[in-house]
Amino acid sequence: MKTITPLFLLIFILNLFSCKASKETFYASPPQEIKSITFENWTAGRMESGSGTVFIIELEKPLQSNIQLEKIYYKNLETELTKVNETTFRANFHYNAIYQKHENSAIGTKEFHLKENEAVIEYQKNNKKYWHKCTQIKEITPILFP
């Protein structure tokens, strides 16, 4: 009985530390001041073309040289952010398997717990990875192609 108590206490303390270490941290501040974040759902006129969601992130000013926007997580998916110009970044989620360039995201599913109008931006600042949870993203009227 005497050996079980210290062993139980050791396991309990290790669990406390490991629980805290496994949670991803959302930083309250974005990588830089964001002017707007919008998303637009679209549906093509042909079944084989599918549907998707386009995210547009507009910054107030160009990114600092030590910051790189990398990915966006939305629902159970993740995809890379691409630079459109100095202050605008874009991400495309295409739901037709032929065109998909994004992946199902275990991180997005298990860690972020996102609502319908939320997404997470992954970025690097000074070669260190950060995540910023964006809430209440504005939805633009869906495009329905004939």
Protein backbone atom coordinates (compact mmCIF):
# COMPACT_ATOMS: atom_id res chain seq x y z
CA MET A 1 0.00 0.00 0.00
CA LYS A 2 2.87 2.36 0.85
CA THR A 3 4.44 1.95 -2.62
CA ILE A 4 1.13 2.48 -4.42
CA THR A 5 0.50 5.93 -2.87
CA PRO A 6 3.76 7.57 -4.09
CA LEU A 7 3.34 5.95 -7.50
CA PHE A 8 -0.25 7.24 -7.76
CA LEU A 9 0.89 10.73 -6.71
CA LEU A 10 3.66 10.72 -9.34
CA ILE A 11 1.23 9.67 -12.09
CA PHE A 12 -1.25 12.33 -11.00
CA ILE A 13 1.39 15.11 -11.12
CA LEU A 14 2.66 13.99 -14.53
CA ASN A 15 -0.92 14.04 -15.88
CA LEU A 16 -1.39 17.60 -14.68
CA PHE A 17 1.70 18.78 -16.55
CA SER A 18 0.96 16.79 -19.71
CA CYS A 19 -2.62 18.10 -19.96
CA LYS A 20 -1.43 21.69 -19.95
CA ALA A 21 1.32 20.98 -22.51
CA SER A 22 -0.98 19.33 -25.04
CA LYS A 23 -3.35 22.28 -25.52
CA GLU A 24 -2.75 24.63 -28.43
CA THR A 25 -2.64 28.30 -27.49
CA PHE A 26 -4.63 30.91 -29.34
CA TYR A 27 -2.92 34.23 -29.17
CA ALA A 28 -5.29 37.12 -28.57
CA SER A 29 -3.56 39.32 -31.08
CA PRO A 30 -3.43 38.54 -34.81
CA PRO A 31 -0.07 38.43 -36.61
CA GLN A 32 -0.73 42.00 -37.69
CA GLU A 33 -3.76 44.31 -37.77
CA ILE A 34 -6.44 42.75 -39.95
CA LYS A 35 -8.71 45.00 -41.99
CA SER A 36 -11.26 42.29 -42.83
CA ILE A 37 -11.76 38.55 -43.12
CA THR A 38 -14.53 37.29 -45.37
CA PHE A 39 -15.60 33.96 -46.77
CA GLU A 40 -17.78 33.15 -49.73
CA ASN A 41 -19.41 29.83 -50.50
CA TRP A 42 -19.91 28.96 -54.14
CA THR A 43 -21.60 26.22 -56.12
CA ALA A 44 -20.81 25.43 -59.73
CA GLY A 45 -23.42 24.84 -62.40
CA ARG A 46 -22.15 21.34 -63.20
CA MET A 47 -22.13 18.49 -60.69
CA GLU A 48 -18.54 17.47 -61.46
CA SER A 49 -17.30 21.00 -60.73
CA GLY A 50 -18.54 20.82 -57.15
CA SER A 51 -18.59 23.61 -54.62
CA GLY A 52 -16.26 25.35 -52.24
CA THR A 53 -15.41 28.23 -49.95
CA VAL A 54 -13.03 31.11 -50.61
CA PHE A 55 -11.45 33.06 -47.74
CA ILE A 56 -10.03 36.54 -48.24
CA ILE A 57 -7.86 38.13 -45.53
CA GLU A 58 -7.10 41.83 -45.95
CA LEU A 59 -4.45 43.44 -43.76
CA GLU A 60 -4.22 47.13 -42.87
CA LYS A 61 -0.62 47.27 -44.14
CA PRO A 62 1.90 44.84 -45.71
CA LEU A 63 3.22 42.02 -43.52
CA GLN A 64 6.41 42.61 -41.62
CA SER A 65 9.36 40.68 -43.03
CA ASN A 66 9.55 38.39 -39.98
CA ILE A 67 5.91 37.18 -40.35
CA GLN A 68 4.59 34.56 -42.80
CA LEU A 69 0.95 33.51 -43.03
CA GLU A 70 0.89 29.76 -43.66
CA LYS A 71 -2.45 27.98 -43.27
CA ILE A 72 -6.07 28.47 -42.45
CA TYR A 73 -8.25 25.95 -40.60
CA TYR A 74 -12.00 26.00 -41.27
CA LYS A 75 -14.47 23.39 -40.04
CA ASN A 76 -12.56 20.08 -40.30
CA LEU A 77 -10.26 21.26 -43.10
CA GLU A 78 -6.96 23.04 -43.57
CA THR A 79 -5.34 24.63 -46.59
CA GLU A 80 -2.48 26.97 -47.41
CA LEU A 81 -2.87 30.72 -47.63
CA THR A 82 -1.60 32.29 -50.84
CA LYS A 83 -0.49 35.87 -51.27
CA VAL A 84 -2.60 37.89 -53.73
CA ASN A 85 -0.80 41.19 -53.17
CA GLU A 86 1.04 42.99 -50.35
CA THR A 87 -2.04 43.22 -48.10
CA THR A 88 -4.36 40.44 -49.34
CA PHE A 89 -4.21 36.68 -48.80
CA ARG A 90 -6.55 34.01 -50.16
CA ALA A 91 -7.44 30.42 -49.30
CA ASN A 92 -9.55 28.06 -51.41
CA PHE A 93 -11.47 25.09 -50.07
CA HIS A 94 -12.79 23.04 -53.01
CA TYR A 95 -15.15 20.27 -51.94
CA ASN A 96 -14.87 18.18 -55.11
CA ALA A 97 -12.22 15.48 -54.59
CA ILE A 98 -10.79 16.03 -58.08
CA TYR A 99 -9.69 19.59 -57.26
CA GLN A 100 -8.93 19.35 -53.55
CA LYS A 101 -5.65 20.82 -52.44
CA HIS A 102 -6.58 20.91 -48.77
CA GLU A 103 -6.61 18.11 -46.24
CA ASN A 104 -8.87 16.91 -43.48
CA SER A 105 -7.41 18.36 -40.35
CA ALA A 106 -7.07 16.38 -37.15
CA ILE A 107 -5.83 19.57 -35.48
CA GLY A 108 -8.85 21.54 -36.65
CA THR A 109 -11.27 18.85 -35.53
CA LYS A 110 -9.83 18.07 -32.11
CA GLU A 111 -8.16 21.23 -30.88
CA PHE A 112 -9.86 24.29 -32.33
CA HIS A 113 -13.59 23.52 -31.80
CA LEU A 114 -14.66 25.98 -34.50
CA LYS A 115 -18.18 27.32 -35.03
CA GLU A 116 -19.66 28.02 -38.48
CA ASN A 117 -18.22 31.55 -38.76
CA GLU A 118 -14.83 30.89 -37.17
CA ALA A 119 -11.43 29.99 -38.58
CA VAL A 120 -7.85 29.74 -37.33
CA ILE A 121 -4.87 31.33 -39.04
CA GLU A 122 -1.51 29.61 -38.60
CA TYR A 123 1.47 31.89 -38.99
CA GLN A 124 5.17 32.10 -38.23
CA LYS A 125 6.77 35.04 -36.50
CA ASN A 126 10.54 34.97 -36.04
CA ASN A 127 10.48 31.27 -37.07
CA LYS A 128 8.07 30.35 -34.26
CA LYS A 129 4.60 28.96 -35.01
CA TYR A 130 1.45 30.71 -33.71
CA TRP A 131 -2.30 30.35 -34.16
CA HIS A 132 -4.92 33.08 -34.14
CA LYS A 133 -8.61 32.26 -33.83
CA CYS A 134 -10.77 34.54 -35.97
CA THR A 135 -14.36 34.85 -34.80
CA GLN A 136 -17.40 36.34 -36.48
CA ILE A 137 -15.99 36.23 -39.99
CA LYS A 138 -18.24 38.04 -42.44
CA GLU A 139 -19.97 35.81 -44.98
CA ILE A 140 -20.44 37.23 -48.47
CA THR A 141 -23.58 36.24 -50.39
CA PRO A 142 -22.95 32.83 -51.99
CA ILE A 143 -22.22 32.58 -55.71
CA LEU A 144 -24.48 30.14 -57.54
CA PHE A 145 -23.17 29.50 -61.03
CA PRO A 146 -25.72 28.45 -63.68
